[in-house]
Amino acid sequence: MGILWTLIVGLVVGALAKLFMPGKDPGGVIITMLLGVAGSLVAGFLGRALGWYSSPGTGPGIIVSIIGAMLLLGIYRLVVRRRHTRTV
């Protein structure tokens, strides 16, 4: 059940990240979900590295997860754009 909950939260986080970042985005629902889950993981990793989530069981909130997903979405756009301009 934990994996299913993570995917649902990741989908919401990824959708909100796409909503907050203007512009046309490559990818569909699966990419959105993966960016949301990865953004939450990145936010949790950075938060633990900085000492924000020191006690066990605490992790990033929805806002920090959205910021992490927006960061990954920006990187994803750069990679896809560079790949597309090289082939054209």
PDB file of N, CA and C in Angstrom:
ATOM      1  N   MET A   1       0.814  -1.188   0.000  1.00  0.00           N
ATOM      2  CA  MET A   1       0.000   0.000   0.000  1.00  0.00           C
ATOM      3  C   MET A   1       0.864   1.261   0.000  1.00  0.00           C
ATOM      4  N   GLY A   2       2.051   1.189   0.596  1.00  0.00           N
ATOM      5  CA  GLY A   2       2.946   2.335   0.644  1.00  0.00           C
ATOM      6  C   GLY A   2       3.409   2.767  -0.730  1.00  0.00           C
ATOM      7  N   ILE A   3       3.669   1.805  -1.608  1.00  0.00           N
ATOM      8  CA  ILE A   3       4.111   2.133  -2.963  1.00  0.00           C
ATOM      9  C   ILE A   3       2.984   2.819  -3.731  1.00  0.00           C
ATOM     10  N   LEU A   4       1.778   2.323  -3.586  1.00  0.00           N
ATOM     11  CA  LEU A   4       0.630   2.931  -4.259  1.00  0.00           C
ATOM     12  C   LEU A   4       0.420   4.365  -3.767  1.00  0.00           C
ATOM     13  N   TRP A   5       0.526   4.578  -2.467  1.00  0.00           N
ATOM     14  CA  TRP A   5       0.369   5.919  -1.905  1.00  0.00           C
ATOM     15  C   TRP A   5       1.471   6.842  -2.426  1.00  0.00           C
ATOM     16  N   THR A   6       2.695   6.346  -2.510  1.00  0.00           N
ATOM     17  CA  THR A   6       3.811   7.140  -3.039  1.00  0.00           C
ATOM     18  C   THR A   6       3.555   7.542  -4.479  1.00  0.00           C
ATOM     19  N   LEU A   7       3.035   6.636  -5.293  1.00  0.00           N
ATOM     20  CA  LEU A   7       2.744   6.952  -6.692  1.00  0.00           C
ATOM     21  C   LEU A   7       1.625   7.982  -6.815  1.00  0.00           C
ATOM     22  N   ILE A   8       0.616   7.880  -5.977  1.00  0.00           N
ATOM     23  CA  ILE A   8      -0.484   8.845  -6.025  1.00  0.00           C
ATOM     24  C   ILE A   8       0.008  10.236  -5.620  1.00  0.00           C
ATOM     25  N   VAL A   9       0.771  10.305  -4.531  1.00  0.00           N
ATOM     26  CA  VAL A   9       1.323  11.591  -4.100  1.00  0.00           C
ATOM     27  C   VAL A   9       2.280  12.126  -5.159  1.00  0.00           C
ATOM     28  N   GLY A  10       3.079  11.251  -5.757  1.00  0.00           N
ATOM     29  CA  GLY A  10       3.994  11.660  -6.830  1.00  0.00           C
ATOM     30  C   GLY A  10       3.261  12.221  -8.029  1.00  0.00           C
ATOM     31  N   LEU A  11       2.130  11.648  -8.376  1.00  0.00           N
ATOM     32  CA  LEU A  11       1.333  12.158  -9.487  1.00  0.00           C
ATOM     33  C   LEU A  11       0.818  13.560  -9.178  1.00  0.00           C
ATOM     34  N   VAL A  12       0.333  13.762  -7.956  1.00  0.00           N
ATOM     35  CA  VAL A  12      -0.164  15.084  -7.565  1.00  0.00           C
ATOM     36  C   VAL A  12       0.972  16.101  -7.540  1.00  0.00           C
ATOM     37  N   VAL A  13       2.105  15.729  -6.960  1.00  0.00           N
ATOM     38  CA  VAL A  13       3.251  16.632  -6.886  1.00  0.00           C
ATOM     39  C   VAL A  13       3.754  16.973  -8.287  1.00  0.00           C
ATOM     40  N   GLY A  14       3.857  15.984  -9.162  1.00  0.00           N
ATOM     41  CA  GLY A  14       4.301  16.229 -10.536  1.00  0.00           C
ATOM     42  C   GLY A  14       3.340  17.121 -11.301  1.00  0.00           C
ATOM     43  N   ALA A  15       2.044  16.903 -11.113  1.00  0.00           N
ATOM     44  CA  ALA A  15       1.049  17.745 -11.787  1.00  0.00           C
ATOM     45  C   ALA A  15       1.122  19.181 -11.291  1.00  0.00           C
ATOM     46  N   LEU A  16       1.303  19.377  -9.990  1.00  0.00           N
ATOM     47  CA  LEU A  16       1.422  20.728  -9.451  1.00  0.00           C
ATOM     48  C   LEU A  16       2.709  21.400  -9.934  1.00  0.00           C
ATOM     49  N   ALA A  17       3.780  20.640 -10.034  1.00  0.00           N
ATOM     50  CA  ALA A  17       5.037  21.206 -10.540  1.00  0.00           C
ATOM     51  C   ALA A  17       4.871  21.664 -11.983  1.00  0.00           C
ATOM     52  N   LYS A  18       4.179  20.868 -12.803  1.00  0.00           N
ATOM     53  CA  LYS A  18       3.929  21.274 -14.189  1.00  0.00           C
ATOM     54  C   LYS A  18       3.014  22.503 -14.249  1.00  0.00           C
ATOM     55  N   LEU A  19       2.072  22.582 -13.329  1.00  0.00           N
ATOM     56  CA  LEU A  19       1.165  23.723 -13.287  1.00  0.00           C
ATOM     57  C   LEU A  19       1.908  25.012 -12.945  1.00  0.00           C
ATOM     58  N   PHE A  20       2.863  24.927 -12.027  1.00  0.00           N
ATOM     59  CA  PHE A  20       3.594  26.106 -11.579  1.00  0.00           C
ATOM     60  C   PHE A  20       4.702  26.534 -12.529  1.00  0.00           C
ATOM     61  N   MET A  21       5.135  25.650 -13.412  1.00  0.00           N
ATOM     62  CA  MET A  21       6.185  25.998 -14.376  1.00  0.00           C
ATOM     63  C   MET A  21       5.543  26.221 -15.739  1.00  0.00           C
ATOM     64  N   PRO A  22       5.580  27.433 -16.243  1.00  0.00           N
ATOM     65  CA  PRO A  22       4.949  27.696 -17.537  1.00  0.00           C
ATOM     66  C   PRO A  22       5.740  27.059 -18.675  1.00  0.00           C
ATOM     67  N   GLY A  23       5.061  26.859 -19.785  1.00  0.00           N
ATOM     68  CA  GLY A  23       5.711  26.322 -20.967  1.00  0.00           C
ATOM     69  C   GLY A  23       5.190  24.953 -21.325  1.00  0.00           C
ATOM     70  N   LYS A  24       5.543  24.546 -22.529  1.00  0.00           N
ATOM     71  CA  LYS A  24       5.119  23.244 -23.023  1.00  0.00           C
ATOM     72  C   LYS A  24       6.056  22.173 -22.482  1.00  0.00           C
ATOM     73  N   ASP A  25       5.468  21.105 -21.984  1.00  0.00           N
ATOM     74  CA  ASP A  25       6.254  20.034 -21.386  1.00  0.00           C
ATOM     75  C   ASP A  25       6.153  18.759 -22.208  1.00  0.00           C
ATOM     76  N   PRO A  26       7.298  18.114 -22.427  1.00  0.00           N
ATOM     77  CA  PRO A  26       7.259  16.806 -23.058  1.00  0.00           C
ATOM     78  C   PRO A  26       6.840  15.760 -22.026  1.00  0.00           C
ATOM     79  N   GLY A  27       6.270  14.693 -22.481  1.00  0.00           N
ATOM     80  CA  GLY A  27       5.901  13.609 -21.574  1.00  0.00           C
ATOM     81  C   GLY A  27       4.451  13.670 -21.166  1.00  0.00           C
ATOM     82  N   GLY A  28       3.979  12.546 -20.663  1.00  0.00           N
ATOM     83  CA  GLY A  28       2.590  12.446 -20.254  1.00  0.00           C
ATOM     84  C   GLY A  28       2.461  12.178 -18.772  1.00  0.00           C
ATOM     85  N   VAL A  29       1.468  11.388 -18.433  1.00  0.00           N
ATOM     86  CA  VAL A  29       1.140  11.104 -17.044  1.00  0.00           C
ATOM     87  C   VAL A  29       2.263  10.319 -16.361  1.00  0.00           C
ATOM     88  N   ILE A  30       2.861   9.390 -17.058  1.00  0.00           N
ATOM     89  CA  ILE A  30       3.923   8.575 -16.467  1.00  0.00           C
ATOM     90  C   ILE A  30       5.130   9.446 -16.129  1.00  0.00           C
ATOM     91  N   ILE A  31       5.521  10.328 -17.043  1.00  0.00           N
ATOM     92  CA  ILE A  31       6.644  11.235 -16.787  1.00  0.00           C
ATOM     93  C   ILE A  31       6.297  12.161 -15.630  1.00  0.00           C
ATOM     94  N   THR A  32       5.056  12.629 -15.579  1.00  0.00           N
ATOM     95  CA  THR A  32       4.611  13.491 -14.484  1.00  0.00           C
ATOM     96  C   THR A  32       4.748  12.764 -13.150  1.00  0.00           C
ATOM     97  N   MET A  33       4.298  11.520 -13.102  1.00  0.00           N
ATOM     98  CA  MET A  33       4.368  10.739 -11.880  1.00  0.00           C
ATOM     99  C   MET A  33       5.824  10.496 -11.471  1.00  0.00           C
ATOM    100  N   LEU A  34       6.648  10.142 -12.417  1.00  0.00           N
ATOM    101  CA  LEU A  34       8.058   9.890 -12.111  1.00  0.00           C
ATOM    102  C   LEU A  34       8.767  11.147 -11.624  1.00  0.00           C
ATOM    103  N   LEU A  35       8.473  12.287 -12.239  1.00  0.00           N
ATOM    104  CA  LEU A  35       9.073  13.544 -11.789  1.00  0.00           C
ATOM    105  C   LEU A  35       8.611  13.898 -10.378  1.00  0.00           C
ATOM    106  N   GLY A  36       7.361  13.645 -10.066  1.00  0.00           N
ATOM    107  CA  GLY A  36       6.856  13.929  -8.724  1.00  0.00           C
ATOM    108  C   GLY A  36       7.495  13.047  -7.668  1.00  0.00           C
ATOM    109  N   VAL A  37       7.587  11.755  -7.948  1.00  0.00           N
ATOM    110  CA  VAL A  37       8.207  10.834  -6.998  1.00  0.00           C
ATOM    111  C   VAL A  37       9.688  11.165  -6.841  1.00  0.00           C
ATOM    112  N   ALA A  38      10.371  11.402  -7.958  1.00  0.00           N
ATOM    113  CA  ALA A  38      11.794  11.737  -7.901  1.00  0.00           C
ATOM    114  C   ALA A  38      12.014  13.071  -7.196  1.00  0.00           C
ATOM    115  N   GLY A  39      11.132  14.034  -7.427  1.00  0.00           N
ATOM    116  CA  GLY A  39      11.243  15.323  -6.744  1.00  0.00           C
ATOM    117  C   GLY A  39      11.104  15.190  -5.247  1.00  0.00           C
ATOM    118  N   SER A  40      10.203  14.337  -4.814  1.00  0.00           N
ATOM    119  CA  SER A  40      10.042  14.095  -3.388  1.00  0.00           C
ATOM    120  C   SER A  40      11.272  13.406  -2.812  1.00  0.00           C
ATOM    121  N   LEU A  41      11.830  12.459  -3.549  1.00  0.00           N
ATOM    122  CA  LEU A  41      13.044  11.784  -3.095  1.00  0.00           C
ATOM    123  C   LEU A  41      14.218  12.746  -3.010  1.00  0.00           C
ATOM    124  N   VAL A  42      14.362  13.604  -4.019  1.00  0.00           N
ATOM    125  CA  VAL A  42      15.446  14.599  -4.014  1.00  0.00           C
ATOM    126  C   VAL A  42      15.272  15.556  -2.843  1.00  0.00           C
ATOM    127  N   ALA A  43      14.054  16.013  -2.612  1.00  0.00           N
ATOM    128  CA  ALA A  43      13.792  16.930  -1.505  1.00  0.00           C
ATOM    129  C   ALA A  43      14.097  16.261  -0.163  1.00  0.00           C
ATOM    130  N   GLY A  44      13.732  15.008  -0.022  1.00  0.00           N
ATOM    131  CA  GLY A  44      14.021  14.287   1.213  1.00  0.00           C
ATOM    132  C   GLY A  44      15.507  14.078   1.416  1.00  0.00           C
ATOM    133  N   PHE A  45      16.215  13.735   0.346  1.00  0.00           N
ATOM    134  CA  PHE A  45      17.662  13.531   0.432  1.00  0.00           C
ATOM    135  C   PHE A  45      18.375  14.830   0.820  1.00  0.00           C
ATOM    136  N   LEU A  46      18.026  15.922   0.150  1.00  0.00           N
ATOM    137  CA  LEU A  46      18.659  17.197   0.464  1.00  0.00           C
ATOM    138  C   LEU A  46      18.294  17.674   1.875  1.00  0.00           C
ATOM    139  N   GLY A  47      17.052  17.453   2.285  1.00  0.00           N
ATOM    140  CA  GLY A  47      16.636  17.842   3.632  1.00  0.00           C
ATOM    141  C   GLY A  47      17.374  17.072   4.711  1.00  0.00           C
ATOM    142  N   ARG A  48      17.593  15.772   4.475  1.00  0.00           N
ATOM    143  CA  ARG A  48      18.348  14.984   5.446  1.00  0.00           C
ATOM    144  C   ARG A  48      19.816  15.395   5.459  1.00  0.00           C
ATOM    145  N   ALA A  49      20.359  15.712   4.288  1.00  0.00           N
ATOM    146  CA  ALA A  49      21.752  16.143   4.205  1.00  0.00           C
ATOM    147  C   ALA A  49      21.964  17.479   4.922  1.00  0.00           C
ATOM    148  N   LEU A  50      20.969  18.342   4.889  1.00  0.00           N
ATOM    149  CA  LEU A  50      21.073  19.642   5.547  1.00  0.00           C
ATOM    150  C   LEU A  50      20.625  19.605   7.012  1.00  0.00           C
ATOM    151  N   GLY A  51      20.136  18.458   7.458  1.00  0.00           N
ATOM    152  CA  GLY A  51      19.723  18.315   8.850  1.00  0.00           C
ATOM    153  C   GLY A  51      18.312  18.769   9.155  1.00  0.00           C
ATOM    154  N   TRP A  52      17.499  19.006   8.141  1.00  0.00           N
ATOM    155  CA  TRP A  52      16.128  19.453   8.360  1.00  0.00           C
ATOM    156  C   TRP A  52      15.232  18.334   8.860  1.00  0.00           C
ATOM    157  N   TYR A  53      15.471  17.117   8.411  1.00  0.00           N
ATOM    158  CA  TYR A  53      14.645  15.965   8.795  1.00  0.00           C
ATOM    159  C   TYR A  53      15.517  15.007   9.595  1.00  0.00           C
ATOM    160  N   SER A  54      15.792  15.363  10.826  1.00  0.00           N
ATOM    161  CA  SER A  54      16.729  14.579  11.621  1.00  0.00           C
ATOM    162  C   SER A  54      16.070  13.396  12.319  1.00  0.00           C
ATOM    163  N   SER A  55      14.823  13.517  12.722  1.00  0.00           N
ATOM    164  CA  SER A  55      14.179  12.411  13.423  1.00  0.00           C
ATOM    165  C   SER A  55      13.639  11.394  12.423  1.00  0.00           C
ATOM    166  N   PRO A  56      13.677  10.107  12.786  1.00  0.00           N
ATOM    167  CA  PRO A  56      13.192   9.060  11.879  1.00  0.00           C
ATOM    168  C   PRO A  56      11.705   9.223  11.580  1.00  0.00           C
ATOM    169  N   GLY A  57      11.345   8.933  10.363  1.00  0.00           N
ATOM    170  CA  GLY A  57       9.945   9.005   9.963  1.00  0.00           C
ATOM    171  C   GLY A  57       9.513  10.358   9.444  1.00  0.00           C
ATOM    172  N   THR A  58      10.357  11.359   9.561  1.00  0.00           N
ATOM    173  CA  THR A  58       9.999  12.662   9.020  1.00  0.00           C
ATOM    174  C   THR A  58      10.572  12.787   7.624  1.00  0.00           C
ATOM    175  N   GLY A  59       9.890  13.498   6.804  1.00  0.00           N
ATOM    176  CA  GLY A  59      10.333  13.675   5.437  1.00  0.00           C
ATOM    177  C   GLY A  59       9.829  14.980   4.886  1.00  0.00           C
ATOM    178  N   PRO A  60      10.053  15.181   3.610  1.00  0.00           N
ATOM    179  CA  PRO A  60       9.668  16.463   3.012  1.00  0.00           C
ATOM    180  C   PRO A  60       8.156  16.610   2.934  1.00  0.00           C
ATOM    181  N   GLY A  61       7.718  17.827   3.053  1.00  0.00           N
ATOM    182  CA  GLY A  61       6.307  18.127   2.895  1.00  0.00           C
ATOM    183  C   GLY A  61       5.970  18.300   1.422  1.00  0.00           C
ATOM    184  N   ILE A  62       4.735  18.585   1.166  1.00  0.00           N
ATOM    185  CA  ILE A  62       4.266  18.697  -0.211  1.00  0.00           C
ATOM    186  C   ILE A  62       4.915  19.879  -0.927  1.00  0.00           C
ATOM    187  N   ILE A  63       5.136  20.981  -0.229  1.00  0.00           N
ATOM    188  CA  ILE A  63       5.710  22.166  -0.873  1.00  0.00           C
ATOM    189  C   ILE A  63       7.152  21.908  -1.287  1.00  0.00           C
ATOM    190  N   VAL A  64       7.925  21.319  -0.399  1.00  0.00           N
ATOM    191  CA  VAL A  64       9.321  21.024  -0.725  1.00  0.00           C
ATOM    192  C   VAL A  64       9.391  19.960  -1.820  1.00  0.00           C
ATOM    193  N   SER A  65       8.479  19.012  -1.817  1.00  0.00           N
ATOM    194  CA  SER A  65       8.438  17.998  -2.877  1.00  0.00           C
ATOM    195  C   SER A  65       8.125  18.637  -4.224  1.00  0.00           C
ATOM    196  N   ILE A  66       7.226  19.618  -4.239  1.00  0.00           N
ATOM    197  CA  ILE A  66       6.903  20.317  -5.484  1.00  0.00           C
ATOM    198  C   ILE A  66       8.115  21.082  -5.989  1.00  0.00           C
ATOM    199  N   ILE A  67       8.846  21.720  -5.074  1.00  0.00           N
ATOM    200  CA  ILE A  67      10.051  22.443  -5.482  1.00  0.00           C
ATOM    201  C   ILE A  67      11.083  21.473  -6.059  1.00  0.00           C
ATOM    202  N   GLY A  68      11.249  20.318  -5.438  1.00  0.00           N
ATOM    203  CA  GLY A  68      12.158  19.304  -5.976  1.00  0.00           C
ATOM    204  C   GLY A  68      11.723  18.818  -7.348  1.00  0.00           C
ATOM    205  N   ALA A  69      10.424  18.607  -7.533  1.00  0.00           N
ATOM    206  CA  ALA A  69       9.912  18.169  -8.830  1.00  0.00           C
ATOM    207  C   ALA A  69      10.074  19.262  -9.878  1.00  0.00           C
ATOM    208  N   MET A  70       9.905  20.525  -9.480  1.00  0.00           N
ATOM    209  CA  MET A  70      10.109  21.626 -10.431  1.00  0.00           C
ATOM    210  C   MET A  70      11.575  21.699 -10.861  1.00  0.00           C
ATOM    211  N   LEU A  71      12.473  21.461  -9.938  1.00  0.00           N
ATOM    212  CA  LEU A  71      13.901  21.427 -10.266  1.00  0.00           C
ATOM    213  C   LEU A  71      14.192  20.323 -11.275  1.00  0.00           C
ATOM    214  N   LEU A  72      13.660  19.145 -11.028  1.00  0.00           N
ATOM    215  CA  LEU A  72      13.870  18.032 -11.955  1.00  0.00           C
ATOM    216  C   LEU A  72      13.179  18.271 -13.300  1.00  0.00           C
ATOM    217  N   LEU A  73      12.011  18.913 -13.285  1.00  0.00           N
ATOM    218  CA  LEU A  73      11.314  19.225 -14.527  1.00  0.00           C
ATOM    219  C   LEU A  73      12.131  20.195 -15.369  1.00  0.00           C
ATOM    220  N   GLY A  74      12.742  21.186 -14.726  1.00  0.00           N
ATOM    221  CA  GLY A  74      13.604  22.115 -15.452  1.00  0.00           C
ATOM    222  C   GLY A  74      14.800  21.413 -16.075  1.00  0.00           C
ATOM    223  N   ILE A  75      15.424  20.515 -15.330  1.00  0.00           N
ATOM    224  CA  ILE A  75      16.549  19.744 -15.874  1.00  0.00           C
ATOM    225  C   ILE A  75      16.076  18.854 -17.016  1.00  0.00           C
ATOM    226  N   TYR A  76      14.920  18.232 -16.847  1.00  0.00           N
ATOM    227  CA  TYR A  76      14.363  17.365 -17.888  1.00  0.00           C
ATOM    228  C   TYR A  76      14.090  18.152 -19.174  1.00  0.00           C
ATOM    229  N   ARG A  77      13.547  19.361 -19.021  1.00  0.00           N
ATOM    230  CA  ARG A  77      13.288  20.191 -20.204  1.00  0.00           C
ATOM    231  C   ARG A  77      14.584  20.534 -20.928  1.00  0.00           C
ATOM    232  N   LEU A  78      15.629  20.867 -20.187  1.00  0.00           N
ATOM    233  CA  LEU A  78      16.916  21.182 -20.813  1.00  0.00           C
ATOM    234  C   LEU A  78      17.483  19.992 -21.579  1.00  0.00           C
ATOM    235  N   VAL A  79      17.405  18.812 -20.979  1.00  0.00           N
ATOM    236  CA  VAL A  79      17.941  17.611 -21.628  1.00  0.00           C
ATOM    237  C   VAL A  79      17.154  17.282 -22.884  1.00  0.00           C
ATOM    238  N   VAL A  80      15.826  17.319 -22.803  1.00  0.00           N
ATOM    239  CA  VAL A  80      14.996  16.991 -23.961  1.00  0.00           C
ATOM    240  C   VAL A  80      15.176  18.036 -25.060  1.00  0.00           C
ATOM    241  N   ARG A  81      15.267  19.300 -24.687  1.00  0.00           N
ATOM    242  CA  ARG A  81      15.439  20.370 -25.674  1.00  0.00           C
ATOM    243  C   ARG A  81      16.776  20.217 -26.400  1.00  0.00           C
ATOM    244  N   ARG A  82      17.849  19.936 -25.670  1.00  0.00           N
ATOM    245  CA  ARG A  82      19.165  19.747 -26.294  1.00  0.00           C
ATOM    246  C   ARG A  82      19.162  18.549 -27.221  1.00  0.00           C
ATOM    247  N   ARG A  83      18.534  17.475 -26.809  1.00  0.00           N
ATOM    248  CA  ARG A  83      18.465  16.268 -27.639  1.00  0.00           C
ATOM    249  C   ARG A  83      17.685  16.559 -28.918  1.00  0.00           C
ATOM    250  N   HIS A  84      16.593  17.326 -28.787  1.00  0.00           N
ATOM    251  CA  HIS A  84      15.751  17.633 -29.936  1.00  0.00           C
ATOM    252  C   HIS A  84      16.458  18.564 -30.905  1.00  0.00           C
ATOM    253  N   THR A  85      17.211  19.538 -30.428  1.00  0.00           N
ATOM    254  CA  THR A  85      17.879  20.473 -31.324  1.00  0.00           C
ATOM    255  C   THR A  85      19.063  19.811 -32.041  1.00  0.00           C
ATOM    256  N   ARG A  86      19.651  18.798 -31.454  1.00  0.00           N
ATOM    257  CA  ARG A  86      20.750  18.098 -32.130  1.00  0.00           C
ATOM    258  C   ARG A  86      20.271  17.250 -33.293  1.00  0.00           C
ATOM    259  N   THR A  87      19.074  16.665 -33.184  1.00  0.00           N
ATOM    260  CA  THR A  87      18.589  15.785 -34.227  1.00  0.00           C
ATOM    261  C   THR A  87      17.958  16.544 -35.372  1.00  0.00           C
ATOM    262  N   VAL A  88      17.581  17.805 -35.152  1.00  0.00           N
ATOM    263  CA  VAL A  88      16.906  18.574 -36.209  1.00  0.00           C
ATOM    264  C   VAL A  88      17.908  19.213 -37.118  1.00  0.00           C
TER     265      VAL A  88
END
